[in-house]
Each structure stands twice: as structure tokens, then as C-alpha cells.
Amino acid sequence: MAVTAGGDTTTGNEGPARGFILQASYRTERTGRSAPVVHLYGILERGGTFLVRDHRQSPHFFVRR
């Protein structure tokens, strides 16, 4: 499965896929320099599982006052 820049997902020749994110986390990869990679684990409507690895985002959080 791949995620396009617009957020659409594709699974090869099957077209778009829909699913639900069950868990989000991140890991630090050391390829040249340390960089965080966001991991999104989930399940597809058709019953399969998926993992999205996003190098574009940095993990962060927001604290409301």
C-alpha cells in the first residue's frame, strides 16, 4: 500500500483502499543522520492490515492551557 501526497491510498492495481488507524508511533532511523519516521498501523475494510511509514512528519504534541 502507498499513500499519495494528497492522502489517498493505493494497493497496487486494486485502486484506493479504506481502513482504520489502530495505533500511531514513531521510530528514529539512522540513515546518514537520525530522522524520525511516523508509523501508522491499521486494518483495511477488507480485513487486511497495513503500515504507513511517513518520513514527512516529525512527531509532536500540543498542550491546551
C-alpha atoms as a PDB file:
ATOM      1  CA  MET A   1       0.000   0.000   0.000  1.00  0.00           C
ATOM      2  CA  ALA A   2       1.175   3.517  -0.726  1.00  0.00           C
ATOM      3  CA  VAL A   3      -0.080   6.902   0.420  1.00  0.00           C
ATOM      4  CA  THR A   4      -0.081   9.725  -2.110  1.00  0.00           C
ATOM      5  CA  ALA A   5       0.778  13.327  -1.245  1.00  0.00           C
ATOM      6  CA  GLY A   6      -2.961  14.089  -1.199  1.00  0.00           C
ATOM      7  CA  GLY A   7      -3.584  11.406   1.429  1.00  0.00           C
ATOM      8  CA  ASP A   8      -5.168   8.843  -0.924  1.00  0.00           C
ATOM      9  CA  THR A   9      -4.113   5.228  -0.512  1.00  0.00           C
ATOM     10  CA  THR A  10      -3.475   2.684  -3.211  1.00  0.00           C
ATOM     11  CA  THR A  11      -2.760  -1.031  -3.041  1.00  0.00           C
ATOM     12  CA  GLY A  12      -1.125  -1.708  -6.375  1.00  0.00           C
ATOM     13  CA  ASN A  13      -3.690  -2.365  -9.121  1.00  0.00           C
ATOM     14  CA  GLU A  14      -6.683  -2.632  -6.780  1.00  0.00           C
ATOM     15  CA  GLY A  15      -7.315   1.113  -6.598  1.00  0.00           C
ATOM     16  CA  PRO A  16      -7.959   3.130  -3.430  1.00  0.00           C
ATOM     17  CA  ALA A  17      -8.222   1.310  -0.100  1.00  0.00           C
ATOM     18  CA  ARG A  18     -10.068   2.360   3.045  1.00  0.00           C
ATOM     19  CA  GLY A  19      -9.082   1.436   6.544  1.00  0.00           C
ATOM     20  CA  PHE A  20      -8.833   2.460  10.164  1.00  0.00           C
ATOM     21  CA  ILE A  21      -5.720   3.504  12.077  1.00  0.00           C
ATOM     22  CA  LEU A  22      -5.340   1.436  15.249  1.00  0.00           C
ATOM     23  CA  GLN A  23      -2.032   2.749  16.577  1.00  0.00           C
ATOM     24  CA  ALA A  24       0.409   5.545  15.818  1.00  0.00           C
ATOM     25  CA  SER A  25       4.046   5.659  16.888  1.00  0.00           C
ATOM     26  CA  TYR A  26       7.425   6.701  15.574  1.00  0.00           C
ATOM     27  CA  ARG A  27      10.931   5.340  15.334  1.00  0.00           C
ATOM     28  CA  THR A  28      14.243   7.023  14.775  1.00  0.00           C
ATOM     29  CA  GLU A  29      16.108   5.780  11.717  1.00  0.00           C
ATOM     30  CA  ARG A  30      19.822   6.322  11.366  1.00  0.00           C
ATOM     31  CA  THR A  31      20.418   6.642   7.639  1.00  0.00           C
ATOM     32  CA  GLY A  32      23.152   9.249   7.476  1.00  0.00           C
ATOM     33  CA  ARG A  33      21.673  11.299  10.307  1.00  0.00           C
ATOM     34  CA  SER A  34      18.946  10.452  12.809  1.00  0.00           C
ATOM     35  CA  ALA A  35      15.469  11.189  11.494  1.00  0.00           C
ATOM     36  CA  PRO A  36      12.048  10.295  12.946  1.00  0.00           C
ATOM     37  CA  VAL A  37       9.658   8.154  10.895  1.00  0.00           C
ATOM     38  CA  VAL A  38       5.968   8.151  11.882  1.00  0.00           C
ATOM     39  CA  HIS A  39       4.363   4.665  11.797  1.00  0.00           C
ATOM     40  CA  LEU A  40       0.581   4.232  11.417  1.00  0.00           C
ATOM     41  CA  TYR A  41      -0.683   0.674  11.971  1.00  0.00           C
ATOM     42  CA  GLY A  42      -4.202  -0.249  10.927  1.00  0.00           C
ATOM     43  CA  ILE A  43      -6.735  -2.605   9.404  1.00  0.00           C
ATOM     44  CA  LEU A  44      -8.403  -2.368   5.994  1.00  0.00           C
ATOM     45  CA  GLU A  45     -12.152  -2.641   5.396  1.00  0.00           C
ATOM     46  CA  ARG A  46     -11.481  -5.886   3.515  1.00  0.00           C
ATOM     47  CA  GLY A  47      -9.735  -7.398   6.562  1.00  0.00           C
ATOM     48  CA  GLY A  48      -6.069  -6.941   5.669  1.00  0.00           C
ATOM     49  CA  THR A  49      -3.589  -4.966   7.728  1.00  0.00           C
ATOM     50  CA  PHE A  50      -1.355  -2.053   6.783  1.00  0.00           C
ATOM     51  CA  LEU A  51       1.595   0.001   7.951  1.00  0.00           C
ATOM     52  CA  VAL A  52       2.201   3.541   6.708  1.00  0.00           C
ATOM     53  CA  ARG A  53       5.735   4.871   7.212  1.00  0.00           C
ATOM     54  CA  ASP A  54       5.762   8.659   6.824  1.00  0.00           C
ATOM     55  CA  HIS A  55       9.113  10.433   6.601  1.00  0.00           C
ATOM     56  CA  ARG A  56       7.468  13.836   6.009  1.00  0.00           C
ATOM     57  CA  GLN A  57       6.189  14.480   9.545  1.00  0.00           C
ATOM     58  CA  SER A  58       8.003  14.965  12.809  1.00  0.00           C
ATOM     59  CA  PRO A  59       6.320  13.666  15.965  1.00  0.00           C
ATOM     60  CA  HIS A  60       4.948  16.494  18.089  1.00  0.00           C
ATOM     61  CA  PHE A  61       2.168  17.208  20.548  1.00  0.00           C
ATOM     62  CA  PHE A  62       0.018  20.136  21.625  1.00  0.00           C
ATOM     63  CA  VAL A  63      -0.857  21.077  25.210  1.00  0.00           C
ATOM     64  CA  ARG A  64      -4.007  23.147  25.638  1.00  0.00           C
ATOM     65  CA  ARG A  65      -3.996  25.644  28.522  1.00  0.00           C
END
